[in-house]
């Protein structure tokens, strides 16, 4: 597996991004991704929110998720909480995407991201899709990545080349997301492309596994979005077929997992105003317990603000663990920060406080938590919470 630099999509793909006037800043806000392979396959995952946006509903109801050939995206407006008109506008985006890509409407996915509860300016959207279609290029992933951003401070892209027993394939990916990120599926848009040949069933299986290990493992602010979407498209242009239960499938899955986790960590590193990234690892006897504790720690404002300030206040960890596992008996919990044990079976452990203070001032900080029992383990990556996060979200619509 080799990480590639620069721009470029796998053979069979073209992309573009343009400014259509949706954002007042005038920055790019329409992205189009097209797979030219007639027999392309795909897979998709969406938000679990109870207030899913019209683009998500439309994709689930009117798109062949195993055969997507085009994706049209707008940023600056989420087209969420917009009712029937919002659904109709999403359908218009799908129709325009089909027209410019030369594919059937049910082979087009529609995605939107931005402010919730504002009607989509369809004149700008349709003009933008047409303009983007004129700029489609094999190296258009950079422009596409820029066009899908909202509060992102930097673009999030990854490119890998993988040598499999049956040949060499390429995987690329683009993501957006910096706020409203929750480990029940992050608030983000993610698009991955490969020239490998996968059946819809294999693509769906591998994408599902990789999403669980990446975008379901991150948190910025514990908030679940209305628009989360992850799409994998496979052109098959390399001629390398990924057959089920083979070494090809195993190695390709590892590479897709690496790409997805790389993008997920970029999202966390870009957490609105973030200064540091935390990783919490929880081990114990029950999967439900370790999961609840990991999420409680990752989403705790007290833990996150301590991380932001470089404060080794491990009492914040104990508080979050106790909130996740209420009871009358003392919990024999172990806590280590950057390899320094600070708590054993619920009690203070003498340690080098100066060394710990220095350790938590690093860019990345790891927390390890031990619960009673053995056999279960989980992890969550999270960003800190500081002044800039409040500033960004206090002024988001104004």
Protein backbone atom coordinates (compact mmCIF):
# COMPACT_ATOMS: atom_id res chain seq x y z
CA UNK A 1 0.00 0.00 0.00
CA UNK A 2 1.51 3.32 -1.13
CA UNK A 3 0.23 6.77 -0.26
CA UNK A 4 0.13 8.97 -3.35
CA UNK A 5 0.54 12.73 -3.35
CA UNK A 6 -0.89 15.33 -5.67
CA UNK A 7 -4.16 15.36 -7.56
CA UNK A 8 -5.86 12.68 -9.61
CA UNK A 9 -8.73 10.22 -9.51
CA UNK A 10 -8.62 6.52 -10.43
CA UNK A 11 -9.19 5.71 -14.12
CA UNK A 12 -12.86 6.04 -15.02
CA UNK A 13 -13.60 9.10 -12.86
CA UNK A 14 -13.87 12.83 -13.47
CA UNK A 15 -14.76 15.62 -11.05
CA UNK A 16 -15.13 19.38 -10.81
CA UNK A 17 -16.04 22.14 -8.37
CA UNK A 18 -17.29 25.67 -9.04
CA UNK A 19 -18.69 28.74 -7.28
CA UNK A 20 -22.39 29.15 -8.02
CA UNK A 21 -23.25 31.92 -5.57
CA UNK A 22 -24.87 29.80 -2.85
CA UNK A 23 -22.26 30.97 -0.33
CA UNK A 24 -22.12 34.70 0.33
CA UNK A 25 -18.33 34.42 0.46
CA UNK A 26 -18.24 33.54 -3.21
CA UNK A 27 -16.18 30.43 -2.56
CA UNK A 28 -16.84 27.16 -4.48
CA UNK A 29 -20.12 25.51 -3.51
CA UNK A 30 -21.09 23.00 -6.25
CA UNK A 31 -19.24 19.73 -6.79
CA UNK A 32 -19.87 17.03 -9.40
CA UNK A 33 -18.29 13.56 -9.48
CA UNK A 34 -18.88 11.28 -12.49
CA UNK A 35 -17.90 7.66 -13.15
CA UNK A 36 -17.71 7.01 -16.89
CA UNK A 37 -17.83 3.21 -16.59
CA UNK A 38 -21.26 1.90 -17.70
CA UNK A 39 -21.03 -1.08 -15.34
CA UNK A 40 -19.95 0.91 -12.30
CA UNK A 41 -20.96 -0.36 -8.89
CA UNK A 42 -21.32 1.45 -5.59
CA UNK A 43 -22.39 1.39 -1.96
CA UNK A 44 -23.63 4.04 0.46
CA UNK A 45 -24.28 4.78 4.13
CA UNK A 46 -26.43 7.55 5.59
CA UNK A 47 -27.19 9.34 8.84
CA UNK A 48 -29.31 7.64 11.49
CA UNK A 49 -30.94 10.97 12.39
CA UNK A 50 -34.70 11.09 12.87
CA UNK A 51 -34.76 14.37 10.92
CA UNK A 52 -33.02 13.25 7.76
CA UNK A 53 -32.66 15.89 5.06
CA UNK A 54 -34.46 15.58 1.69
CA UNK A 55 -31.24 14.66 -0.19
CA UNK A 56 -30.76 11.66 2.11
CA UNK A 57 -34.41 10.64 1.79
CA UNK A 58 -34.29 11.00 -1.98
CA UNK A 59 -31.14 8.89 -2.30
CA UNK A 60 -32.69 6.13 -0.22
CA UNK A 61 -35.98 6.21 -2.11
CA UNK A 62 -35.03 7.06 -5.70
CA UNK A 63 -31.40 6.04 -6.27
CA UNK A 64 -29.92 2.62 -7.09
CA UNK A 65 -27.34 2.64 -4.34
CA UNK A 66 -25.47 -0.28 -5.89
CA UNK A 67 -25.05 1.40 -9.28
CA UNK A 68 -24.36 5.10 -8.69
CA UNK A 69 -22.46 6.78 -11.52
CA UNK A 70 -22.76 10.46 -10.60
CA UNK A 71 -22.84 12.57 -7.44
CA UNK A 72 -23.96 16.20 -7.27
CA UNK A 73 -23.17 18.14 -4.10
CA UNK A 74 -23.89 21.64 -2.91
CA UNK A 75 -22.41 23.32 0.16
CA UNK A 76 -23.62 26.41 2.00
CA UNK A 77 -27.17 25.07 2.35
CA UNK A 78 -28.17 21.72 3.88
CA UNK A 79 -31.61 21.57 2.25
CA UNK A 80 -32.74 20.12 5.59
CA UNK A 81 -36.02 20.78 7.43
CA UNK A 82 -37.35 22.15 4.13
CA UNK A 83 -40.35 19.83 3.72
CA UNK A 84 -41.83 18.78 0.41
CA UNK A 85 -40.28 21.70 -1.51
CA UNK A 86 -36.87 20.57 -0.29
CA UNK A 87 -37.51 17.04 -1.58
CA UNK A 88 -38.61 18.43 -4.94
CA UNK A 89 -35.45 20.54 -5.13
CA UNK A 90 -33.33 17.49 -4.37
CA UNK A 91 -35.14 15.69 -7.21
CA UNK A 92 -34.34 18.60 -9.53
CA UNK A 93 -30.66 18.31 -8.55
CA UNK A 94 -30.81 14.60 -9.33
CA UNK A 95 -32.40 15.26 -12.73
CA UNK A 96 -29.84 17.91 -13.63
CA UNK A 97 -27.03 15.60 -12.51
CA UNK A 98 -28.36 12.85 -14.76
CA UNK A 99 -28.57 15.27 -17.69
CA UNK A 100 -25.00 16.55 -17.45
CA UNK A 101 -23.51 13.10 -16.69
CA UNK A 102 -25.48 11.31 -19.38
CA UNK A 103 -26.83 8.67 -17.00
CA UNK A 104 -30.21 7.63 -15.64
CA UNK A 105 -31.68 9.63 -12.77
CA UNK A 106 -31.61 6.66 -10.40
CA UNK A 107 -27.83 6.46 -10.92
CA UNK A 108 -27.32 9.93 -9.40
CA UNK A 109 -26.79 10.64 -5.70
CA UNK A 110 -27.60 14.07 -4.27
CA UNK A 111 -25.88 15.60 -1.24
CA UNK A 112 -26.21 18.96 0.50
CA UNK A 113 -24.41 20.51 3.46
CA UNK A 114 -24.63 23.85 5.25
CA UNK A 115 -27.29 25.82 7.10
CA UNK A 116 -30.44 23.91 8.10
CA UNK A 117 -33.95 25.27 7.50
CA UNK A 118 -33.23 27.52 4.51
CA UNK A 119 -34.76 26.89 1.04
CA UNK A 120 -32.24 25.83 -1.56
CA UNK A 121 -31.56 28.55 -4.18
CA UNK A 122 -32.27 26.37 -7.20
CA UNK A 123 -31.31 28.90 -9.85
CA UNK A 124 -27.74 29.01 -8.55
CA UNK A 125 -27.69 25.24 -7.96
CA UNK A 126 -28.76 24.28 -11.48
CA UNK A 127 -26.45 26.82 -13.10
CA UNK A 128 -23.61 25.54 -10.91
CA UNK A 129 -24.17 21.92 -11.89
CA UNK A 130 -24.06 22.84 -15.56
CA UNK A 131 -20.92 24.94 -15.07
CA UNK A 132 -19.21 22.14 -13.14
CA UNK A 133 -20.01 19.66 -15.90
CA UNK A 134 -17.95 21.71 -18.34
CA UNK A 135 -14.91 21.45 -16.08
CA UNK A 136 -15.00 17.73 -15.31
CA UNK A 137 -11.46 16.36 -15.29
CA UNK A 138 -9.49 13.34 -14.11
CA UNK A 139 -7.55 15.63 -11.77
CA UNK A 140 -10.62 17.55 -10.60
CA UNK A 141 -10.63 16.04 -7.11
CA UNK A 142 -8.96 19.12 -5.59
CA UNK A 143 -11.64 21.47 -6.93
CA UNK A 144 -14.35 19.01 -5.88
CA UNK A 145 -12.92 18.81 -2.35
CA UNK A 146 -12.94 22.58 -2.01
CA UNK A 147 -16.52 22.86 -3.26
CA UNK A 148 -17.97 20.54 -0.62
CA UNK A 149 -16.53 22.39 2.40
CA UNK A 150 -18.46 24.47 4.93
CA UNK A 151 -16.64 25.39 8.15
CA UNK A 152 -13.67 23.21 7.18
CA UNK A 153 -10.31 24.89 7.70
CA UNK A 154 -8.60 22.67 5.12
CA UNK A 155 -9.46 20.11 2.46
CA UNK A 156 -9.53 16.44 3.34
CA UNK A 157 -8.26 14.08 0.67
CA UNK A 158 -6.40 10.79 0.49
CA UNK A 159 -4.94 8.72 -2.39
CA UNK A 160 -3.64 5.16 -2.09
CA UNK A 161 -2.22 2.65 -4.52
CA UNK A 162 -2.59 -0.99 -3.50
CA UNK A 163 -0.83 -4.02 -4.93
CA UNK A 164 -3.09 -7.06 -4.72
CA UNK A 165 -2.38 -10.65 -5.78
CA UNK A 166 -4.46 -9.99 -8.90
CA UNK A 167 -3.00 -6.59 -9.77
CA UNK A 168 -2.65 -2.97 -8.72
CA UNK A 169 -5.59 -0.68 -7.96
CA UNK A 170 -6.04 2.90 -6.79
CA UNK A 171 -8.38 4.27 -4.11
CA UNK A 172 -9.06 7.97 -3.59
CA UNK A 173 -11.30 9.80 -1.16
CA UNK A 174 -12.59 13.26 -0.30
CA UNK A 175 -14.37 14.33 2.88
CA UNK A 176 -15.86 17.39 4.51
CA UNK A 177 -16.67 17.87 8.17
CA UNK A 178 -15.47 19.88 11.14
CA UNK A 179 -18.49 20.39 13.40
CA UNK A 180 -21.69 18.56 14.35
CA UNK A 181 -19.66 15.34 14.55
CA UNK A 182 -20.98 12.44 16.63
CA UNK A 183 -19.79 8.82 16.91
CA UNK A 184 -23.07 7.32 15.80
CA UNK A 185 -22.00 8.36 12.36
CA UNK A 186 -20.21 11.62 11.97
CA UNK A 187 -21.66 14.77 10.47
CA UNK A 188 -19.92 14.71 7.18
CA UNK A 189 -19.89 13.92 3.50
CA UNK A 190 -17.40 11.34 2.28
CA UNK A 191 -16.81 10.11 -1.27
CA UNK A 192 -14.42 7.31 -2.23
CA UNK A 193 -13.50 6.05 -5.70
CA UNK A 194 -11.59 3.02 -6.94
CA UNK A 195 -10.72 1.45 -10.29
CA UNK A 196 -11.12 -2.01 -8.75
CA UNK A 197 -14.04 -4.15 -9.87
CA UNK A 198 -16.40 -5.02 -7.00
CA UNK A 199 -19.88 -6.48 -6.97
CA UNK A 200 -22.48 -4.24 -5.26
CA UNK A 201 -22.66 -6.78 -2.44
CA UNK A 202 -18.90 -6.77 -1.84
CA UNK A 203 -18.75 -2.97 -2.02
CA UNK A 204 -21.59 -2.70 0.50
CA UNK A 205 -19.98 -5.20 2.89
CA UNK A 206 -16.57 -3.54 2.85
CA UNK A 207 -17.94 -0.01 3.12
CA UNK A 208 -20.10 -0.96 6.09
CA UNK A 209 -17.19 -2.49 7.97
CA UNK A 210 -14.88 0.44 7.23
CA UNK A 211 -17.43 3.08 8.26
CA UNK A 212 -17.88 1.34 11.61
CA UNK A 213 -14.12 1.52 12.18
CA UNK A 214 -13.70 5.13 11.06
CA UNK A 215 -16.54 7.62 10.87
CA UNK A 216 -18.50 5.86 13.61
CA UNK A 217 -15.44 6.23 15.85
CA UNK A 218 -15.09 10.02 15.89
CA UNK A 219 -16.60 12.92 17.81
CA UNK A 220 -16.16 16.69 17.75
CA UNK A 221 -19.21 17.82 19.68
CA UNK A 222 -21.49 14.80 20.10
CA UNK A 223 -24.04 16.20 17.65
CA UNK A 224 -25.68 14.01 15.00
CA UNK A 225 -26.30 15.55 11.58
CA UNK A 226 -29.28 15.48 9.25
CA UNK A 227 -27.22 14.97 6.09
CA UNK A 228 -24.42 12.41 6.72
CA UNK A 229 -23.55 10.46 3.59
CA UNK A 230 -20.68 8.14 2.62
CA UNK A 231 -20.50 6.78 -0.92
CA UNK A 232 -18.05 4.33 -2.51
CA UNK A 233 -17.93 4.12 -6.32
CA UNK A 234 -16.08 1.42 -8.28
CA UNK A 235 -15.28 1.89 -11.97
CA UNK A 236 -13.61 -1.48 -12.55
CA UNK A 237 -11.28 0.23 -15.07
CA UNK A 238 -8.20 -1.57 -13.73
CA UNK A 239 -9.63 -4.96 -14.69
CA UNK A 240 -8.78 -6.25 -11.21
CA UNK A 241 -11.79 -8.09 -9.80
CA UNK A 242 -12.19 -8.28 -6.02
CA UNK A 243 -13.81 -11.65 -5.40
CA UNK A 244 -15.43 -12.50 -2.05
CA UNK A 245 -13.39 -14.37 0.57
CA UNK A 246 -10.07 -13.96 -1.26
CA UNK A 247 -6.72 -12.40 -0.43
CA UNK A 248 -7.67 -9.61 -2.85
CA UNK A 249 -10.75 -8.80 -0.79
CA UNK A 250 -8.77 -8.84 2.46
CA UNK A 251 -6.03 -6.53 1.22
CA UNK A 252 -8.43 -4.20 -0.59
CA UNK A 253 -10.54 -3.98 2.57
CA UNK A 254 -7.46 -3.09 4.61
CA UNK A 255 -6.59 -0.32 2.16
CA UNK A 256 -10.13 1.08 2.13
CA UNK A 257 -10.11 0.96 5.92
CA UNK A 258 -6.81 2.86 6.02
CA UNK A 259 -8.14 5.53 3.66
CA UNK A 260 -11.38 5.96 5.63
CA UNK A 261 -9.58 6.20 8.96
CA UNK A 262 -7.16 8.74 7.50
CA UNK A 263 -10.06 10.91 6.37
CA UNK A 264 -11.87 10.47 9.70
CA UNK A 265 -8.81 11.66 11.62
CA UNK A 266 -8.53 14.69 9.35
CA UNK A 267 -12.11 15.55 10.29
CA UNK A 268 -11.24 15.36 13.99
CA UNK A 269 -8.05 17.35 13.56
CA UNK A 270 -10.15 20.03 11.87
CA UNK A 271 -12.79 20.00 14.64
CA UNK A 272 -13.97 23.60 14.67
CA UNK A 273 -11.24 25.52 16.49
CA UNK A 274 -9.53 22.32 17.63
CA UNK A 275 -6.07 22.46 19.16
CA UNK A 276 -5.59 18.80 20.12
CA UNK A 277 -6.89 15.34 19.27
CA UNK A 278 -7.75 12.76 21.91
CA UNK A 279 -8.06 8.98 21.62
CA UNK A 280 -9.90 7.07 24.30
CA UNK A 281 -9.47 3.30 24.50
CA UNK A 282 -11.77 1.38 26.85
CA UNK A 283 -11.34 -2.28 27.81
CA UNK A 284 -13.59 -4.46 29.93
CA UNK A 285 -15.99 -7.34 30.08
CA UNK A 286 -19.04 -6.08 28.18
CA UNK A 287 -19.20 -4.46 24.75
CA UNK A 288 -22.13 -2.26 25.73
CA UNK A 289 -20.29 -0.91 28.76
CA UNK A 290 -17.03 -0.11 26.99
CA UNK A 291 -18.93 1.59 24.17
CA UNK A 292 -21.01 3.70 26.54
CA UNK A 293 -17.94 4.78 28.51
CA UNK A 294 -15.89 5.63 25.43
CA UNK A 295 -18.65 7.81 24.04
CA UNK A 296 -19.27 9.47 27.40
CA UNK A 297 -15.62 10.45 27.70
CA UNK A 298 -15.29 11.57 24.07
CA UNK A 299 -18.43 13.71 24.27
CA UNK A 300 -17.85 15.19 27.74
CA UNK A 301 -17.46 19.00 27.56
CA UNK A 302 -15.35 18.79 30.73
CA UNK A 303 -12.95 16.25 29.23
CA UNK A 304 -12.79 18.14 25.95
CA UNK A 305 -12.10 21.52 27.54
CA UNK A 306 -9.39 19.94 29.72
CA UNK A 307 -7.84 18.51 26.56
CA UNK A 308 -7.98 21.96 24.94
CA UNK A 309 -6.22 23.55 27.90
CA UNK A 310 -3.63 20.80 28.32
CA UNK A 311 -4.99 20.15 31.81
CA UNK A 312 -4.19 16.67 33.25
CA UNK A 313 -7.39 16.72 35.34
CA UNK A 314 -8.18 13.01 35.26
CA UNK A 315 -11.10 13.61 37.59
CA UNK A 316 -13.00 14.66 34.46
CA UNK A 317 -12.46 11.12 33.13
CA UNK A 318 -13.73 9.52 36.34
CA UNK A 319 -16.83 11.73 36.26
CA UNK A 320 -17.65 10.77 32.67
CA UNK A 321 -17.15 7.05 33.38
CA UNK A 322 -19.46 7.22 36.39
CA UNK A 323 -22.15 9.02 34.41
CA UNK A 324 -22.07 6.27 31.81
CA UNK A 325 -22.22 3.47 34.40
CA UNK A 326 -24.43 4.63 37.29
CA UNK A 327 -24.73 2.42 40.37
CA UNK A 328 -24.45 2.32 44.15
CA UNK A 329 -21.20 0.34 44.45
CA UNK A 330 -17.83 1.99 43.75
CA UNK A 331 -16.61 1.12 40.26
CA UNK A 332 -13.07 -0.36 40.21
CA UNK A 333 -11.98 1.66 37.20
CA UNK A 334 -8.39 2.09 35.97
CA UNK A 335 -7.25 5.22 34.13
CA UNK A 336 -3.99 5.98 32.33
CA UNK A 337 -3.13 9.11 30.36
CA UNK A 338 -0.32 8.88 27.81
CA UNK A 339 0.82 5.68 29.50
CA UNK A 340 0.90 7.23 32.99
CA UNK A 341 -1.45 5.42 35.36
CA UNK A 342 -3.33 7.90 37.51
CA UNK A 343 -6.12 5.70 38.90
CA UNK A 344 -6.29 2.01 39.86
CA UNK A 345 -9.51 0.27 40.91
CA UNK A 346 -11.13 3.64 41.49
CA UNK A 347 -8.35 5.12 43.60
CA UNK A 348 -5.53 7.63 43.11
CA UNK A 349 -2.12 6.31 42.01
CA UNK A 350 0.99 8.39 42.85
CA UNK A 351 2.62 9.56 39.61
CA UNK A 352 4.94 12.18 38.14
CA UNK A 353 2.57 15.14 37.84
CA UNK A 354 5.08 17.28 35.95
CA UNK A 355 5.65 14.59 33.32
CA UNK A 356 1.90 14.11 32.91
CA UNK A 357 1.36 17.85 32.47
CA UNK A 358 3.97 17.86 29.73
CA UNK A 359 2.39 14.83 28.04
CA UNK A 360 -1.12 16.31 27.82
CA UNK A 361 0.25 19.44 26.13
CA UNK A 362 1.08 17.43 23.01
CA UNK A 363 -0.99 17.55 19.82
CA UNK A 364 -2.36 14.06 20.45
CA UNK A 365 -3.31 12.59 23.83
CA UNK A 366 -4.34 9.01 24.56
CA UNK A 367 -6.59 7.96 27.44
CA UNK A 368 -6.86 4.31 28.49
CA UNK A 369 -9.70 3.14 30.71
CA UNK A 370 -10.05 -0.29 32.27
CA UNK A 371 -13.42 -1.60 33.44
CA UNK A 372 -14.14 -4.83 35.32
CA UNK A 373 -13.87 -7.99 33.25
CA UNK A 374 -12.12 -8.90 30.01
CA UNK A 375 -12.92 -9.49 26.37
CA UNK A 376 -14.33 -6.21 25.05
CA UNK A 377 -12.48 -3.20 23.68
CA UNK A 378 -13.36 -0.08 21.73
CA UNK A 379 -11.91 3.29 20.76
CA UNK A 380 -13.17 6.76 19.88
CA UNK A 381 -11.19 9.68 18.48
CA UNK A 382 -12.29 13.16 19.53
CA UNK A 383 -11.27 16.78 19.30
CA UNK A 384 -10.98 19.27 22.13
CA UNK A 385 -13.45 22.08 22.75
CA UNK A 386 -12.26 25.67 22.93
CA UNK A 387 -13.11 29.31 22.36
CA UNK A 388 -13.05 29.12 18.58
CA UNK A 389 -15.74 26.43 18.50
CA UNK A 390 -18.12 28.78 20.32
CA UNK A 391 -17.24 31.67 18.04
CA UNK A 392 -17.82 29.66 14.85
CA UNK A 393 -21.17 28.26 15.95
CA UNK A 394 -22.43 31.43 17.60
CA UNK A 395 -22.04 33.25 14.27
CA UNK A 396 -22.83 30.36 11.90
CA UNK A 397 -25.89 31.91 10.21
CA UNK A 398 -24.99 35.56 10.72
